[in-house]
Amino acid sequence: MADVKISAISSINADLFSLLLEADPSEEIIRGYINRAYKFVAWLSDIPVGILLLLDTHPNTVEIVNIAVSKDFRNQGIGSALLGFSAEWAKGKKYKVIEIGTGSTSFEQLYLYQKFGFRPFSIDHDFFVKNYNQPIIENNLVLKDMIRLQQYL
C-alpha cells in the first residue's frame, strides 16, 4: 500500500460529500450527522482517497457513522488504514468502545470489521426499509437489516 496520510478536516466539499454517499446513499441522513461528526480524510499525495466520520453516541462510546474509499483506490489497504486510525484516535480520546453499523448484505464490510476486532452485538431489524425511501440492492439481495458491531478499546 502507498503512504496514506489521514488528517482531520472541518468541512466537506462536494467531492467528499459524493464519497460519503458511496457508503450511505441518503443525503438527508448524512446531513443529519455531518455537522456533529469528527471528520477525517485519507490522502495519497494530495488526492483525497477515503473519508471517515465519527460521532459521539453514548458516554465513552464513539461510532463510525460513515467510512468510504474512492472506487479507484479500493483493495489497497486504505479502508484498513482508516479503521486502524479510528481505533487509535478513539483510544487517544479516552473512549472505551467504538461501534459501527453495516448492512446485513455487506459481506465484504462485515468481514473487514470483524478482522479488525469488531464483534456483532445487535441487529436493527428493517433499519434500511424504515429509513430509506428506495430499496437498496446489495450482492443481489434487498438490504433490510443493520448489523451493529462494537470493539472494546
C-alpha atoms as a PDB file:
ATOM      1  CA  MET A   1       0.000   0.000   0.000  1.00  0.00           C
ATOM      2  CA  ALA A   2       1.137   3.525  -0.727  1.00  0.00           C
ATOM      3  CA  ASP A   3       1.806   6.008   2.038  1.00  0.00           C
ATOM      4  CA  VAL A   4      -1.644   7.080   3.244  1.00  0.00           C
ATOM      5  CA  LYS A   5      -1.905  10.164   5.434  1.00  0.00           C
ATOM      6  CA  ILE A   6      -5.039  10.782   7.491  1.00  0.00           C
ATOM      7  CA  SER A   7      -5.928  14.244   8.704  1.00  0.00           C
ATOM      8  CA  ALA A   8      -8.831  15.993  10.395  1.00  0.00           C
ATOM      9  CA  ILE A   9     -10.931  18.355   8.319  1.00  0.00           C
ATOM     10  CA  SER A  10     -13.544  20.896   9.359  1.00  0.00           C
ATOM     11  CA  SER A  11     -15.808  20.971   6.304  1.00  0.00           C
ATOM     12  CA  ILE A  12     -16.933  18.702   3.493  1.00  0.00           C
ATOM     13  CA  ASN A  13     -16.756  19.828  -0.142  1.00  0.00           C
ATOM     14  CA  ALA A  14     -18.909  18.394  -2.957  1.00  0.00           C
ATOM     15  CA  ASP A  15     -16.350  15.718  -3.928  1.00  0.00           C
ATOM     16  CA  LEU A  16     -16.069  14.465  -0.347  1.00  0.00           C
ATOM     17  CA  PHE A  17     -19.852  14.524   0.034  1.00  0.00           C
ATOM     18  CA  SER A  18     -20.099  12.312  -3.065  1.00  0.00           C
ATOM     19  CA  LEU A  19     -17.698   9.913  -1.382  1.00  0.00           C
ATOM     20  CA  LEU A  20     -19.902   9.850   1.744  1.00  0.00           C
ATOM     21  CA  LEU A  21     -22.832   8.906  -0.496  1.00  0.00           C
ATOM     22  CA  GLU A  22     -20.984   5.763  -1.582  1.00  0.00           C
ATOM     23  CA  ALA A  23     -21.251   4.468   1.978  1.00  0.00           C
ATOM     24  CA  ASP A  24     -24.672   5.951   2.767  1.00  0.00           C
ATOM     25  CA  PRO A  25     -26.992   6.687  -0.188  1.00  0.00           C
ATOM     26  CA  SER A  26     -29.200   9.130   1.756  1.00  0.00           C
ATOM     27  CA  GLU A  27     -28.257  12.815   1.571  1.00  0.00           C
ATOM     28  CA  GLU A  28     -30.851  13.512   4.267  1.00  0.00           C
ATOM     29  CA  ILE A  29     -29.359  11.034   6.720  1.00  0.00           C
ATOM     30  CA  ILE A  30     -25.805  12.262   6.049  1.00  0.00           C
ATOM     31  CA  ARG A  31     -26.913  15.867   6.598  1.00  0.00           C
ATOM     32  CA  GLY A  32     -28.372  14.734   9.925  1.00  0.00           C
ATOM     33  CA  TYR A  33     -24.981  13.729  11.314  1.00  0.00           C
ATOM     34  CA  ILE A  34     -22.337  15.522   9.255  1.00  0.00           C
ATOM     35  CA  ASN A  35     -22.144  18.720  11.322  1.00  0.00           C
ATOM     36  CA  ARG A  36     -21.848  16.804  14.626  1.00  0.00           C
ATOM     37  CA  ALA A  37     -19.215  14.364  13.387  1.00  0.00           C
ATOM     38  CA  TYR A  38     -15.444  14.316  13.703  1.00  0.00           C
ATOM     39  CA  LYS A  39     -14.275  14.311  10.091  1.00  0.00           C
ATOM     40  CA  PHE A  40     -11.096  12.778   8.647  1.00  0.00           C
ATOM     41  CA  VAL A  41      -9.748  12.313   5.128  1.00  0.00           C
ATOM     42  CA  ALA A  42      -7.242   9.744   3.874  1.00  0.00           C
ATOM     43  CA  TRP A  43      -4.806  11.224   1.349  1.00  0.00           C
ATOM     44  CA  LEU A  44      -2.435   9.713  -1.186  1.00  0.00           C
ATOM     45  CA  SER A  45      -0.130  12.609  -2.056  1.00  0.00           C
ATOM     46  CA  ASP A  46      -2.655  15.435  -2.383  1.00  0.00           C
ATOM     47  CA  ILE A  47      -5.545  13.259  -3.566  1.00  0.00           C
ATOM     48  CA  PRO A  48      -8.396  12.529  -1.122  1.00  0.00           C
ATOM     49  CA  VAL A  49      -8.982   8.772  -1.395  1.00  0.00           C
ATOM     50  CA  GLY A  50     -11.040   7.991   1.688  1.00  0.00           C
ATOM     51  CA  ILE A  51     -13.224   9.558   4.343  1.00  0.00           C
ATOM     52  CA  LEU A  52     -14.165   8.742   7.928  1.00  0.00           C
ATOM     53  CA  LEU A  53     -16.833  10.306  10.143  1.00  0.00           C
ATOM     54  CA  LEU A  54     -17.050   9.533  13.850  1.00  0.00           C
ATOM     55  CA  LEU A  55     -19.844  10.540  16.202  1.00  0.00           C
ATOM     56  CA  ASP A  56     -20.282  10.525  19.969  1.00  0.00           C
ATOM     57  CA  THR A  57     -23.221   8.216  20.671  1.00  0.00           C
ATOM     58  CA  HIS A  58     -23.139   7.151  24.330  1.00  0.00           C
ATOM     59  CA  PRO A  59     -20.867   8.024  27.255  1.00  0.00           C
ATOM     60  CA  ASN A  60     -17.404   6.661  26.450  1.00  0.00           C
ATOM     61  CA  THR A  61     -18.592   5.432  23.027  1.00  0.00           C
ATOM     62  CA  VAL A  62     -17.852   6.721  19.536  1.00  0.00           C
ATOM     63  CA  GLU A  63     -19.412   5.352  16.359  1.00  0.00           C
ATOM     64  CA  ILE A  64     -18.055   5.202  12.841  1.00  0.00           C
ATOM     65  CA  VAL A  65     -21.099   6.627  11.060  1.00  0.00           C
ATOM     66  CA  ASN A  66     -19.501   6.778   7.617  1.00  0.00           C
ATOM     67  CA  ILE A  67     -16.370   5.255   6.128  1.00  0.00           C
ATOM     68  CA  ALA A  68     -15.711   5.177   2.400  1.00  0.00           C
ATOM     69  CA  VAL A  69     -12.858   4.711  -0.041  1.00  0.00           C
ATOM     70  CA  SER A  70     -12.890   6.028  -3.623  1.00  0.00           C
ATOM     71  CA  LYS A  71     -13.680   3.267  -6.128  1.00  0.00           C
ATOM     72  CA  ASP A  72     -10.341   3.683  -7.912  1.00  0.00           C
ATOM     73  CA  PHE A  73      -8.411   3.136  -4.669  1.00  0.00           C
ATOM     74  CA  ARG A  74     -10.250   0.204  -3.100  1.00  0.00           C
ATOM     75  CA  ASN A  75      -8.498  -3.019  -2.095  1.00  0.00           C
ATOM     76  CA  GLN A  76      -5.260  -1.157  -1.410  1.00  0.00           C
ATOM     77  CA  GLY A  77      -5.471  -1.061   2.392  1.00  0.00           C
ATOM     78  CA  ILE A  78      -6.977   2.413   2.705  1.00  0.00           C
ATOM     79  CA  GLY A  79     -10.123   1.178   4.470  1.00  0.00           C
ATOM     80  CA  SER A  80      -7.904  -0.779   6.843  1.00  0.00           C
ATOM     81  CA  ALA A  81      -5.814   2.341   7.470  1.00  0.00           C
ATOM     82  CA  LEU A  82      -8.973   4.313   8.269  1.00  0.00           C
ATOM     83  CA  LEU A  83     -10.224   1.609  10.641  1.00  0.00           C
ATOM     84  CA  GLY A  84      -6.874   1.422  12.418  1.00  0.00           C
ATOM     85  CA  PHE A  85      -6.755   5.208  12.661  1.00  0.00           C
ATOM     86  CA  SER A  86     -10.280   5.348  14.121  1.00  0.00           C
ATOM     87  CA  ALA A  87      -9.388   2.937  16.931  1.00  0.00           C
ATOM     88  CA  GLU A  88      -6.149   4.749  17.773  1.00  0.00           C
ATOM     89  CA  TRP A  89      -7.862   8.140  17.670  1.00  0.00           C
ATOM     90  CA  ALA A  90     -10.662   6.863  19.941  1.00  0.00           C
ATOM     91  CA  LYS A  91      -8.158   5.396  22.421  1.00  0.00           C
ATOM     92  CA  GLY A  92      -6.305   8.709  22.460  1.00  0.00           C
ATOM     93  CA  LYS A  93      -9.564  10.496  23.288  1.00  0.00           C
ATOM     94  CA  LYS A  94     -10.215   8.005  26.134  1.00  0.00           C
ATOM     95  CA  TYR A  95     -13.234   6.311  24.556  1.00  0.00           C
ATOM     96  CA  LYS A  96     -13.861   2.793  25.846  1.00  0.00           C
ATOM     97  CA  VAL A  97     -15.937   1.469  22.920  1.00  0.00           C
ATOM     98  CA  ILE A  98     -16.012   2.047  19.178  1.00  0.00           C
ATOM     99  CA  GLU A  99     -19.048   0.956  17.189  1.00  0.00           C
ATOM    100  CA  ILE A 100     -20.017   0.615  13.547  1.00  0.00           C
ATOM    101  CA  GLY A 101     -23.169  -0.429  11.730  1.00  0.00           C
ATOM    102  CA  THR A 102     -23.366  -2.019   8.315  1.00  0.00           C
ATOM    103  CA  GLY A 103     -25.864  -3.787   6.131  1.00  0.00           C
ATOM    104  CA  SER A 104     -26.617  -7.443   6.678  1.00  0.00           C
ATOM    105  CA  THR A 105     -25.809  -7.951   2.983  1.00  0.00           C
ATOM    106  CA  SER A 106     -22.493  -6.032   3.188  1.00  0.00           C
ATOM    107  CA  PHE A 107     -20.402  -9.182   3.251  1.00  0.00           C
ATOM    108  CA  GLU A 108     -17.010  -7.615   2.493  1.00  0.00           C
ATOM    109  CA  GLN A 109     -17.506  -4.926   5.121  1.00  0.00           C
ATOM    110  CA  LEU A 110     -18.657  -7.441   7.750  1.00  0.00           C
ATOM    111  CA  TYR A 111     -15.532  -9.491   7.085  1.00  0.00           C
ATOM    112  CA  LEU A 112     -13.245  -6.453   7.313  1.00  0.00           C
ATOM    113  CA  TYR A 113     -14.786  -5.115  10.525  1.00  0.00           C
ATOM    114  CA  GLN A 114     -14.554  -8.494  12.234  1.00  0.00           C
ATOM    115  CA  LYS A 115     -10.983  -8.882  11.018  1.00  0.00           C
ATOM    116  CA  PHE A 116     -10.275  -5.624  12.881  1.00  0.00           C
ATOM    117  CA  GLY A 117     -11.752  -6.941  16.115  1.00  0.00           C
ATOM    118  CA  PHE A 118     -15.322  -5.682  15.899  1.00  0.00           C
ATOM    119  CA  ARG A 119     -17.933  -8.110  17.226  1.00  0.00           C
ATOM    120  CA  PRO A 120     -21.652  -8.129  16.370  1.00  0.00           C
ATOM    121  CA  PHE A 121     -23.810  -7.084  19.299  1.00  0.00           C
ATOM    122  CA  SER A 122     -27.235  -6.276  17.846  1.00  0.00           C
ATOM    123  CA  ILE A 123     -29.399  -6.167  14.768  1.00  0.00           C
ATOM    124  CA  ASP A 124     -31.567  -3.184  13.832  1.00  0.00           C
ATOM    125  CA  HIS A 125     -34.333  -5.096  12.056  1.00  0.00           C
ATOM    126  CA  ASP A 126     -35.740  -3.358   8.961  1.00  0.00           C
ATOM    127  CA  PHE A 127     -33.459  -0.313   9.523  1.00  0.00           C
ATOM    128  CA  PHE A 128     -32.925   0.245   5.805  1.00  0.00           C
ATOM    129  CA  VAL A 129     -36.593  -0.370   4.953  1.00  0.00           C
ATOM    130  CA  LYS A 130     -37.759   2.192   7.536  1.00  0.00           C
ATOM    131  CA  ASN A 131     -35.105   4.864   6.946  1.00  0.00           C
ATOM    132  CA  TYR A 132     -34.518   4.864   3.171  1.00  0.00           C
ATOM    133  CA  ASN A 133     -37.069   5.840   0.517  1.00  0.00           C
ATOM    134  CA  GLN A 134     -35.754   3.452  -2.134  1.00  0.00           C
ATOM    135  CA  PRO A 135     -34.815  -0.211  -1.746  1.00  0.00           C
ATOM    136  CA  ILE A 136     -31.074  -0.828  -1.548  1.00  0.00           C
ATOM    137  CA  ILE A 137     -29.871  -3.846  -3.511  1.00  0.00           C
ATOM    138  CA  GLU A 138     -26.513  -5.226  -2.447  1.00  0.00           C
ATOM    139  CA  ASN A 139     -24.983  -8.532  -3.522  1.00  0.00           C
ATOM    140  CA  ASN A 140     -28.260  -9.249  -5.373  1.00  0.00           C
ATOM    141  CA  LEU A 141     -30.231  -9.055  -2.112  1.00  0.00           C
ATOM    142  CA  VAL A 142     -32.620  -6.413  -0.804  1.00  0.00           C
ATOM    143  CA  LEU A 143     -30.922  -4.799   2.179  1.00  0.00           C
ATOM    144  CA  LYS A 144     -33.221  -4.692   5.199  1.00  0.00           C
ATOM    145  CA  ASP A 145     -31.285  -5.066   8.457  1.00  0.00           C
ATOM    146  CA  MET A 146     -28.324  -3.262  10.002  1.00  0.00           C
ATOM    147  CA  ILE A 147     -25.759  -5.351  11.850  1.00  0.00           C
ATOM    148  CA  ARG A 148     -24.256  -3.366  14.702  1.00  0.00           C
ATOM    149  CA  LEU A 149     -20.701  -4.234  15.751  1.00  0.00           C
ATOM    150  CA  GLN A 150     -18.506  -2.946  18.548  1.00  0.00           C
ATOM    151  CA  GLN A 151     -14.972  -3.190  19.824  1.00  0.00           C
ATOM    152  CA  TYR A 152     -13.769  -2.536  23.362  1.00  0.00           C
ATOM    153  CA  LEU A 153     -10.659  -0.391  23.297  1.00  0.00           C
END
